Amino acid sequence: MPMNVENTNGQEQKTTEIKYVLPPRIERKRPKKYCRFTKYGIKHVDHKDVEFLVRFLSPQGRILPRRITGNKKKWQRRVAAAIKRARILGLLPFVTSDISQYVNNK
């Protein structure tokens, strides 16, 4: 789309707008995220249930964010509080190289 721009000499000069071409969006087939608390009707997050809490931790022991877990805001806060309680009680580590060793394999 040509535009008129005034030159330093007072003359109008036609210029063209540069439009950048965006790369095509690649659609990835990811499973839809959902709040498992709402879906399964879970009413309470137990800080003593380490096997359940480990699902919300990264392999290094960090709490995963909502955008990864798919939890609603209310439940993500409760999960974070339960994980912090479990850490203080010594049920979960603050930092680790492999979180899988804290899950009882039955």
Protein backbone atom coordinates (compact mmCIF):
# COMPACT_ATOMS: atom_id res chain seq x y z
CA MET A 1 0.00 0.00 0.00
CA PRO A 2 1.75 3.19 -1.12
CA MET A 3 2.03 6.05 1.36
CA ASN A 4 2.83 9.69 0.74
CA VAL A 5 5.72 10.93 2.84
CA GLU A 6 7.00 14.49 2.79
CA ASN A 7 10.66 14.78 1.78
CA THR A 8 13.12 17.23 3.40
CA ASN A 9 12.85 19.41 0.28
CA GLY A 10 9.10 19.77 0.79
CA GLN A 11 8.24 17.35 -2.02
CA GLU A 12 5.97 14.37 -1.55
CA GLN A 13 7.53 11.02 -2.17
CA LYS A 14 5.71 7.70 -2.52
CA THR A 15 6.94 4.84 -0.36
CA THR A 16 5.66 1.34 0.14
CA GLU A 17 4.90 -0.32 3.43
CA ILE A 18 6.92 -3.41 4.19
CA LYS A 19 4.75 -6.29 5.33
CA TYR A 20 6.51 -9.14 7.01
CA VAL A 21 5.44 -12.63 6.13
CA LEU A 22 4.78 -14.74 9.17
CA PRO A 23 5.69 -18.41 9.10
CA PRO A 24 2.73 -20.76 8.83
CA ARG A 25 1.33 -21.94 12.14
CA ILE A 26 2.07 -25.57 12.77
CA GLU A 27 -0.77 -27.14 14.66
CA ARG A 28 0.34 -29.65 17.23
CA LYS A 29 -2.01 -32.31 18.40
CA ARG A 30 -1.73 -32.03 22.16
CA PRO A 31 -4.24 -33.51 24.52
CA LYS A 32 -6.54 -30.84 25.87
CA LYS A 33 -5.58 -29.64 29.33
CA TYR A 34 -8.16 -30.04 32.05
CA CYS A 35 -8.44 -29.56 35.77
CA ARG A 36 -8.34 -33.08 37.18
CA PHE A 37 -9.83 -31.86 40.47
CA THR A 38 -12.97 -30.63 38.74
CA LYS A 39 -13.17 -33.56 36.33
CA TYR A 40 -12.84 -36.29 38.98
CA GLY A 41 -14.62 -34.40 41.77
CA ILE A 42 -11.65 -34.27 44.14
CA LYS A 43 -12.60 -32.09 47.11
CA HIS A 44 -9.40 -32.12 49.17
CA VAL A 45 -5.65 -32.08 48.46
CA ASP A 46 -3.88 -34.20 51.06
CA HIS A 47 -0.30 -33.15 51.81
CA LYS A 48 0.47 -36.71 52.99
CA ASP A 49 -0.39 -38.28 49.62
CA VAL A 50 3.09 -38.02 48.12
CA GLU A 51 2.33 -40.17 45.05
CA PHE A 52 -0.41 -37.73 44.01
CA LEU A 53 1.67 -34.60 44.69
CA VAL A 54 4.63 -35.88 42.65
CA ARG A 55 2.47 -35.51 39.50
CA PHE A 56 2.68 -31.73 39.97
CA LEU A 57 6.49 -31.65 40.33
CA SER A 58 9.19 -31.49 37.68
CA PRO A 59 11.98 -34.12 37.75
CA GLN A 60 14.10 -31.61 39.68
CA GLY A 61 11.40 -31.18 42.33
CA ARG A 62 10.01 -27.81 41.25
CA ILE A 63 6.27 -27.10 41.26
CA LEU A 64 4.88 -27.16 37.72
CA PRO A 65 2.90 -24.06 36.63
CA ARG A 66 -0.81 -24.00 35.77
CA ARG A 67 -0.16 -23.71 32.05
CA ILE A 68 1.54 -27.12 32.19
CA THR A 69 -0.72 -28.96 34.65
CA GLY A 70 -4.02 -27.48 33.45
CA ASN A 71 -5.31 -26.90 36.99
CA LYS A 72 -7.68 -24.11 37.82
CA LYS A 73 -6.27 -21.25 39.86
CA LYS A 74 -7.98 -22.32 43.08
CA TRP A 75 -6.65 -25.88 42.89
CA GLN A 76 -3.15 -24.86 41.82
CA ARG A 77 -2.85 -22.74 44.97
CA ARG A 78 -4.02 -25.67 47.10
CA VAL A 79 -1.60 -28.07 45.42
CA ALA A 80 1.29 -25.64 45.92
CA ALA A 81 0.41 -25.25 49.61
CA ALA A 82 0.19 -29.05 50.04
CA ILE A 83 3.57 -29.55 48.35
CA LYS A 84 5.14 -26.91 50.60
CA ARG A 85 3.67 -28.61 53.69
CA ALA A 86 4.98 -31.98 52.53
CA ARG A 87 8.44 -30.47 52.02
CA ILE A 88 8.48 -29.02 55.52
CA LEU A 89 7.41 -32.39 56.98
CA GLY A 90 10.18 -34.12 55.03
CA LEU A 91 7.88 -36.15 52.80
CA LEU A 92 9.09 -34.40 49.63
CA PRO A 93 12.52 -32.94 48.87
CA PHE A 94 13.08 -29.24 48.24
CA VAL A 95 15.55 -30.03 45.42
CA THR A 96 16.54 -33.35 43.86
CA SER A 97 18.05 -34.75 40.70
CA ASP A 98 15.35 -37.43 40.32
CA ILE A 99 11.90 -37.15 41.91
CA SER A 100 10.91 -40.73 40.99
CA GLN A 101 12.79 -42.16 43.97
CA TYR A 102 10.22 -40.59 46.31
CA VAL A 103 7.30 -42.55 44.85
CA ASN A 104 6.51 -45.97 46.28
CA ASN A 105 6.40 -48.42 43.39
CA LYS A 106 3.92 -51.10 44.38
